[in-house]
N, C-alpha and C. Protein backbone atom coordinates (compact mmCIF):
# COMPACT_ATOMS: atom_id res chain seq x y z
N UNK A 1 18.51 -16.87 -54.53
CA UNK A 1 17.59 -16.35 -54.22
C UNK A 1 16.52 -15.80 -53.04
N UNK A 2 16.23 -17.60 -53.42
CA UNK A 2 14.84 -17.59 -52.33
C UNK A 2 16.10 -17.77 -51.03
N UNK A 3 17.11 -18.33 -51.45
CA UNK A 3 17.83 -18.95 -49.07
C UNK A 3 18.39 -17.95 -49.12
N UNK A 4 18.31 -17.53 -49.77
CA UNK A 4 19.19 -16.32 -49.80
C UNK A 4 17.68 -15.03 -48.52
N UNK A 5 16.62 -14.46 -49.17
CA UNK A 5 15.63 -14.37 -48.56
C UNK A 5 15.46 -15.05 -47.05
N UNK A 6 15.11 -16.71 -47.17
CA UNK A 6 14.95 -17.20 -46.31
C UNK A 6 15.92 -16.77 -45.08
N UNK A 7 17.57 -16.58 -45.74
CA UNK A 7 18.01 -16.59 -44.53
C UNK A 7 18.37 -15.24 -43.90
N UNK A 8 18.29 -14.15 -44.65
CA UNK A 8 17.63 -13.18 -44.32
C UNK A 8 16.78 -12.39 -43.76
N UNK A 9 15.72 -13.61 -43.30
CA UNK A 9 14.49 -14.09 -42.72
C UNK A 9 14.41 -14.22 -41.13
N UNK A 10 15.55 -15.00 -41.43
CA UNK A 10 15.56 -16.20 -40.09
C UNK A 10 16.77 -15.15 -38.68
N UNK A 11 17.81 -14.45 -40.03
CA UNK A 11 18.64 -13.53 -39.29
C UNK A 11 17.64 -12.38 -38.74
N UNK A 12 17.21 -11.70 -39.28
CA UNK A 12 16.56 -10.53 -38.89
C UNK A 12 16.06 -11.15 -38.20
N UNK A 13 14.90 -12.39 -37.71
CA UNK A 13 13.77 -13.15 -36.12
C UNK A 13 15.37 -13.08 -35.38
N UNK A 14 16.07 -13.52 -35.08
CA UNK A 14 17.04 -13.70 -34.14
C UNK A 14 17.08 -12.37 -33.52
N UNK A 15 17.63 -11.80 -34.70
CA UNK A 15 18.03 -9.73 -33.98
C UNK A 15 16.84 -9.34 -33.36
N UNK A 16 16.06 -9.70 -34.00
CA UNK A 16 14.57 -9.28 -33.23
C UNK A 16 14.04 -9.77 -31.19
N UNK A 17 14.74 -11.26 -31.79
CA UNK A 17 14.49 -11.68 -30.59
C UNK A 17 15.48 -11.92 -29.34
N UNK A 18 16.73 -11.55 -30.30
CA UNK A 18 17.09 -11.53 -29.03
C UNK A 18 17.73 -10.01 -28.22
N UNK A 19 16.74 -8.72 -28.86
CA UNK A 19 16.94 -7.26 -28.55
C UNK A 19 16.40 -7.36 -27.46
N UNK A 20 15.41 -8.21 -27.54
CA UNK A 20 13.89 -8.15 -26.59
C UNK A 20 14.05 -8.88 -25.24
N UNK A 21 14.66 -10.44 -25.60
CA UNK A 21 15.32 -11.15 -24.13
C UNK A 21 16.14 -9.81 -23.00
N UNK A 22 17.03 -8.58 -23.44
CA UNK A 22 17.94 -8.66 -22.45
C UNK A 22 16.03 -7.63 -22.05
N UNK A 23 16.27 -6.65 -22.50
CA UNK A 23 15.43 -6.33 -22.37
C UNK A 23 14.23 -6.40 -20.77
N UNK A 24 13.01 -8.06 -20.90
CA UNK A 24 12.75 -8.40 -20.66
C UNK A 24 13.45 -8.13 -18.46
N UNK A 25 14.97 -9.58 -19.26
CA UNK A 25 15.65 -10.06 -18.41
C UNK A 25 15.48 -8.08 -17.67
N UNK A 26 16.02 -6.98 -17.86
CA UNK A 26 15.98 -5.88 -17.24
C UNK A 26 14.84 -5.30 -16.49
N UNK A 27 13.94 -5.43 -16.74
CA UNK A 27 12.33 -4.73 -16.74
C UNK A 27 12.03 -5.78 -15.34
N UNK A 28 12.42 -7.31 -15.64
CA UNK A 28 11.72 -6.90 -14.47
C UNK A 28 13.19 -8.01 -13.32
N UNK A 29 14.56 -7.69 -13.63
CA UNK A 29 15.25 -6.75 -11.93
C UNK A 29 15.02 -5.56 -11.42
N UNK A 30 14.82 -5.06 -12.82
CA UNK A 30 13.64 -3.57 -11.92
C UNK A 30 13.22 -3.92 -11.43
N UNK A 31 11.58 -4.64 -11.05
CA UNK A 31 10.36 -4.63 -10.51
C UNK A 31 10.83 -5.67 -9.41
N UNK A 32 11.92 -6.50 -9.00
CA UNK A 32 12.43 -7.51 -8.01
C UNK A 32 13.43 -5.91 -7.43
N UNK A 33 14.15 -6.06 -7.61
CA UNK A 33 14.78 -4.42 -7.13
C UNK A 33 13.86 -3.82 -7.31
N UNK A 34 12.37 -2.93 -7.30
CA UNK A 34 11.82 -1.92 -6.06
C UNK A 34 11.25 -2.19 -5.48
N UNK A 35 10.99 -3.35 -5.69
CA UNK A 35 9.94 -4.20 -4.62
C UNK A 35 11.04 -4.60 -3.55
N UNK A 36 11.94 -5.19 -4.14
CA UNK A 36 13.17 -4.95 -2.88
C UNK A 36 13.19 -3.26 -2.64
N UNK A 37 13.45 -2.31 -2.50
CA UNK A 37 12.91 -0.55 -1.15
C UNK A 37 11.94 -0.97 -0.99
N UNK A 38 10.49 -1.31 -1.75
CA UNK A 38 9.49 -1.06 -0.94
C UNK A 38 9.75 -2.19 0.44
N UNK A 39 10.34 -3.41 0.31
CA UNK A 39 10.34 -4.40 1.95
C UNK A 39 10.78 -3.29 2.70
N UNK A 40 11.73 -2.38 2.49
CA UNK A 40 12.75 -2.07 2.79
C UNK A 40 12.23 -0.85 3.31
N UNK A 41 11.79 -0.51 2.43
CA UNK A 41 11.48 1.01 3.62
C UNK A 41 10.22 0.52 4.10
N UNK A 42 8.83 -0.06 3.91
CA UNK A 42 8.24 -1.01 4.98
C UNK A 42 8.92 -1.12 6.02
N UNK A 43 10.38 -2.12 6.67
CA UNK A 43 10.41 -1.94 7.07
C UNK A 43 10.61 -1.03 8.23
N UNK A 44 11.63 -0.54 8.06
CA UNK A 44 11.62 1.21 7.88
C UNK A 44 10.14 1.18 9.17
N UNK A 45 9.95 1.66 8.25
CA UNK A 45 8.99 2.44 9.24
C UNK A 45 7.51 1.53 9.78
N UNK A 46 7.90 0.13 9.70
CA UNK A 46 6.98 -0.51 11.19
C UNK A 46 7.62 -0.34 12.18
N UNK A 47 8.85 -0.75 12.05
CA UNK A 47 10.75 -0.45 13.07
C UNK A 47 9.55 0.46 14.11
N UNK A 48 9.09 2.30 13.32
CA UNK A 48 9.38 3.38 13.56
C UNK A 48 8.70 3.07 14.13
N UNK A 49 7.69 1.95 15.09
CA UNK A 49 5.88 1.71 15.28
C UNK A 49 4.82 1.77 14.81
N UNK A 50 5.05 2.23 13.48
CA UNK A 50 3.89 2.62 12.24
C UNK A 50 3.46 1.51 12.58
N UNK A 51 1.15 1.38 11.84
CA UNK A 51 1.03 0.55 10.96
C UNK A 51 0.58 0.81 9.91
N UNK A 52 0.27 -0.39 9.62
CA UNK A 52 -0.41 0.10 7.74
C UNK A 52 -2.05 -0.14 8.42
N UNK A 53 -2.57 0.76 7.32
CA UNK A 53 -4.42 0.55 7.78
C UNK A 53 -5.10 1.94 6.30
N UNK A 54 -5.99 1.08 6.17
CA UNK A 54 -6.81 1.51 5.41
C UNK A 54 -8.18 2.95 6.14
N UNK A 55 -8.10 3.91 5.11
CA UNK A 55 -8.72 3.97 6.63
C UNK A 55 -11.07 4.03 4.99
N UNK A 56 -11.71 3.21 6.55
CA UNK A 56 -12.42 3.11 6.15
C UNK A 56 -14.13 3.72 6.75
N UNK A 57 -15.74 4.08 5.72
CA UNK A 57 -16.03 4.57 6.11
C UNK A 57 -17.67 3.91 7.04
N UNK A 58 -17.89 3.83 7.94
CA UNK A 58 -18.60 2.87 8.54
C UNK A 58 -20.10 3.98 8.67
N UNK A 59 -20.28 4.77 8.51
CA UNK A 59 -21.14 5.99 9.60
C UNK A 59 -22.59 4.95 9.58
N UNK A 60 -22.92 4.25 8.81
CA UNK A 60 -23.94 3.63 8.59
C UNK A 60 -24.16 2.60 9.95
N UNK A 61 -22.61 2.17 10.41
CA UNK A 61 -23.10 1.42 11.09
C UNK A 61 -23.15 1.65 13.27
N UNK A 62 -23.78 1.97 13.34
CA UNK A 62 -23.77 1.73 14.62
C UNK A 62 -23.40 3.26 15.72
N UNK A 63 -22.73 4.32 14.61
CA UNK A 63 -23.02 5.62 14.87
C UNK A 63 -21.24 5.37 14.43
N UNK A 64 -20.55 5.21 13.83
CA UNK A 64 -18.83 4.88 13.49
C UNK A 64 -18.93 5.56 12.92
N UNK A 65 -18.37 6.28 12.07
CA UNK A 65 -17.56 7.86 11.29
C UNK A 65 -16.37 6.30 10.74
N UNK A 66 -14.82 7.09 10.07
CA UNK A 66 -13.85 6.65 9.48
C UNK A 66 -13.38 6.56 10.01
N UNK A 67 -13.74 4.84 10.19
CA UNK A 67 -12.56 4.51 11.58
C UNK A 67 -10.74 3.78 10.41
N UNK A 68 -9.93 3.71 11.45
CA UNK A 68 -8.53 3.26 10.39
C UNK A 68 -8.83 1.16 10.42
N UNK A 69 -8.38 1.04 9.40
CA UNK A 69 -8.97 -0.89 9.75
C UNK A 69 -7.59 -1.00 8.80
N UNK A 70 -6.99 -1.83 10.69
CA UNK A 70 -5.66 -2.10 10.12
C UNK A 70 -4.97 -2.85 9.04
N UNK A 71 -4.41 -3.10 8.64
CA UNK A 71 -4.23 -4.17 7.50
C UNK A 71 -3.79 -5.56 8.04
N UNK A 72 -3.13 -5.69 8.28
CA UNK A 72 -2.79 -7.23 8.87
C UNK A 72 -3.32 -7.81 9.52
N UNK A 73 -4.33 -6.59 9.88
CA UNK A 73 -4.93 -7.17 11.89
C UNK A 73 -6.36 -7.38 11.59
N UNK A 74 -7.00 -6.18 10.82
CA UNK A 74 -8.52 -6.54 10.08
C UNK A 74 -8.68 -5.08 11.18
N UNK A 75 -7.99 -4.73 13.21
CA UNK A 75 -8.59 -4.34 14.34
C UNK A 75 -9.34 -3.35 13.89
N UNK A 76 -10.37 -1.99 14.00
CA UNK A 76 -10.93 -1.11 13.48
C UNK A 76 -10.57 -0.12 14.94
N UNK A 77 -9.72 0.72 14.73
CA UNK A 77 -9.55 2.19 14.79
C UNK A 77 -10.68 3.00 15.09
N UNK A 78 -11.03 3.29 16.17
CA UNK A 78 -11.30 4.82 15.83
C UNK A 78 -10.52 5.82 16.58
N UNK A 79 -10.23 6.70 15.79
CA UNK A 79 -9.77 8.05 16.62
C UNK A 79 -10.38 9.25 17.05
N UNK A 80 -9.77 8.80 18.37
CA UNK A 80 -10.32 9.68 19.43
C UNK A 80 -10.34 10.96 19.10
N UNK A 81 -9.57 11.62 17.87
CA UNK A 81 -10.18 12.87 17.12
C UNK A 81 -8.73 12.78 15.68
N UNK A 82 -10.08 12.81 14.53
CA UNK A 82 -8.94 13.43 13.70
C UNK A 82 -7.68 14.55 13.67
N UNK A 83 -6.64 14.04 12.37
CA UNK A 83 -6.57 15.45 12.29
C UNK A 83 -7.70 17.07 12.08
N UNK A 84 -6.25 18.48 12.01
CA UNK A 84 -7.60 18.61 11.95
C UNK A 84 -7.39 19.92 10.14
N UNK A 85 -7.07 18.89 9.18
CA UNK A 85 -6.51 18.83 8.11
C UNK A 85 -8.05 18.39 7.74
N UNK A 86 -8.31 17.22 8.03
CA UNK A 86 -8.87 16.30 7.13
C UNK A 86 -8.95 15.62 5.83
N UNK A 87 -7.44 16.02 5.43
CA UNK A 87 -6.57 15.16 4.20
C UNK A 87 -6.10 14.36 4.32
N UNK A 88 -6.13 13.31 5.75
CA UNK A 88 -6.39 11.42 4.96
C UNK A 88 -7.85 10.87 5.50
N UNK A 89 -8.37 11.59 5.33
CA UNK A 89 -10.46 11.27 5.90
C UNK A 89 -10.84 11.26 4.99
N UNK A 90 -10.17 9.53 3.88
CA UNK A 90 -11.28 10.28 2.59
C UNK A 90 -11.25 8.30 2.86
N UNK A 91 -12.56 7.51 2.70
CA UNK A 91 -12.22 5.95 2.35
C UNK A 91 -11.76 5.71 1.38
N UNK A 92 -10.72 4.22 1.28
CA UNK A 92 -9.76 3.99 0.45
C UNK A 92 -8.50 4.52 1.02
N UNK A 93 -8.01 5.40 1.66
CA UNK A 93 -6.78 6.25 1.66
C UNK A 93 -5.91 4.70 2.33
N UNK A 94 -5.30 4.61 1.91
CA UNK A 94 -3.97 3.73 2.74
C UNK A 94 -3.21 4.81 3.08
N UNK A 95 -3.11 4.01 5.02
CA UNK A 95 -1.76 5.56 5.57
C UNK A 95 -1.18 4.53 6.33
N UNK A 96 0.16 5.54 6.99
CA UNK A 96 0.35 4.20 8.03
C UNK A 96 0.30 4.75 9.01
N UNK A 97 -0.02 5.00 9.91
CA UNK A 97 -0.89 5.87 11.50
C UNK A 97 0.47 5.15 13.58
N UNK A 98 0.35 6.03 14.02
CA UNK A 98 0.94 5.46 15.76
C UNK A 98 -0.64 5.29 15.81
N UNK A 99 -0.73 4.88 16.75
CA UNK A 99 -1.59 4.90 18.02
C UNK A 99 -1.60 4.50 19.75
N UNK A 100 -2.13 4.60 20.42
CA UNK A 100 -2.68 4.10 21.02
C UNK A 100 -3.87 3.55 21.92
N UNK A 101 -4.53 2.64 22.20
CA UNK A 101 -5.53 2.01 22.88
C UNK A 101 -5.70 3.46 23.87
N UNK A 102 -6.77 4.30 23.38
CA UNK A 102 -7.67 4.62 25.25
C UNK A 102 -8.64 3.80 26.22
N UNK A 103 -8.29 4.38 26.95
CA UNK A 103 -8.23 3.79 28.43
C UNK A 103 -10.37 3.87 28.40
N UNK A 104 -9.82 4.93 27.78
CA UNK A 104 -11.18 6.65 28.05
C UNK A 104 -12.42 5.07 27.16
N UNK A 105 -13.67 5.97 28.17
CA UNK A 105 -15.62 4.85 28.07
C UNK A 105 -14.98 4.28 26.17
N UNK A 106 -15.68 3.01 25.83
CA UNK A 106 -16.01 3.26 24.45
C UNK A 106 -16.91 4.24 23.96
N UNK A 107 -16.70 4.99 22.48
CA UNK A 107 -17.51 5.43 21.77
C UNK A 107 -18.70 5.07 21.85
N UNK A 108 -19.69 5.38 21.25
CA UNK A 108 -20.91 5.07 20.41
C UNK A 108 -20.31 4.40 19.33
N UNK A 109 -19.53 3.83 19.09
CA UNK A 109 -18.81 2.93 17.95
C UNK A 109 -19.11 1.37 18.43
N UNK A 110 -19.67 0.67 17.98
CA UNK A 110 -19.45 -1.05 19.13
C UNK A 110 -18.41 -1.54 18.58
N UNK A 111 -18.34 -1.19 17.22
CA UNK A 111 -17.48 -2.04 16.20
C UNK A 111 -15.96 -1.50 16.00
N UNK A 112 -15.89 -0.76 17.22
CA UNK A 112 -14.54 -0.71 17.33
C UNK A 112 -13.69 0.09 17.98
N UNK A 113 -12.24 -0.49 18.32
CA UNK A 113 -12.07 0.50 19.26
C UNK A 113 -11.40 1.57 18.85
N UNK A 114 -11.38 3.02 20.41
CA UNK A 114 -11.05 3.50 20.52
C UNK A 114 -9.59 4.31 20.66
N UNK A 115 -9.16 5.16 19.89
CA UNK A 115 -7.40 4.67 20.28
C UNK A 115 -7.31 6.82 19.61
N UNK A 116 -6.18 6.49 20.19
CA UNK A 116 -5.51 8.29 19.78
C UNK A 116 -4.51 8.03 18.95
N UNK A 117 -4.85 8.64 18.17
CA UNK A 117 -3.61 8.50 16.67
C UNK A 117 -2.73 9.63 16.83
N UNK A 118 -1.61 8.99 17.48
CA UNK A 118 -0.62 10.03 17.75
C UNK A 118 -0.03 10.37 16.77
N UNK A 119 0.23 9.54 15.10
CA UNK A 119 0.94 9.66 13.75
C UNK A 119 -0.26 9.88 12.52
N UNK A 120 -0.12 10.39 11.53
CA UNK A 120 -0.44 10.00 10.26
C UNK A 120 -0.20 9.77 8.86
N UNK A 121 0.05 9.05 8.41
CA UNK A 121 1.41 9.67 6.68
C UNK A 121 0.04 8.47 6.28
N UNK A 122 0.15 9.03 4.61
CA UNK A 122 -0.92 9.18 3.47
C UNK A 122 0.26 8.09 2.67
N UNK A 123 0.72 6.51 2.71
CA UNK A 123 1.45 5.86 1.91
C UNK A 123 1.66 6.21 0.32
N UNK A 124 2.63 6.91 0.05
CA UNK A 124 2.43 6.81 -1.18
C UNK A 124 3.26 5.98 -2.30
């Protein structure tokens, strides 16, 4: 009786552990696939001329307001004009932007470069 109980107990554990193993493998594969898809999507977006930026609020710094901090270079961009809806003008938002540095004189914000932002999209 004791040996049957032990055998049942061991078989039960084997079933439980073998059932968990494929689930972990499938979860890891799904995570890797999602990461690959994200990288492909980001490549398409960057190939189209967009850069990823963080919206930062520098109201207390030399007359600066909301700026874009380009994630790869840490360059601060001061948009000459924000979109009228101001949906993206929230500190902490991560956005894709297309911009062209401006030849116009420096704005009151001395820590950034003035730029015409031609397109902006919120990162999902």
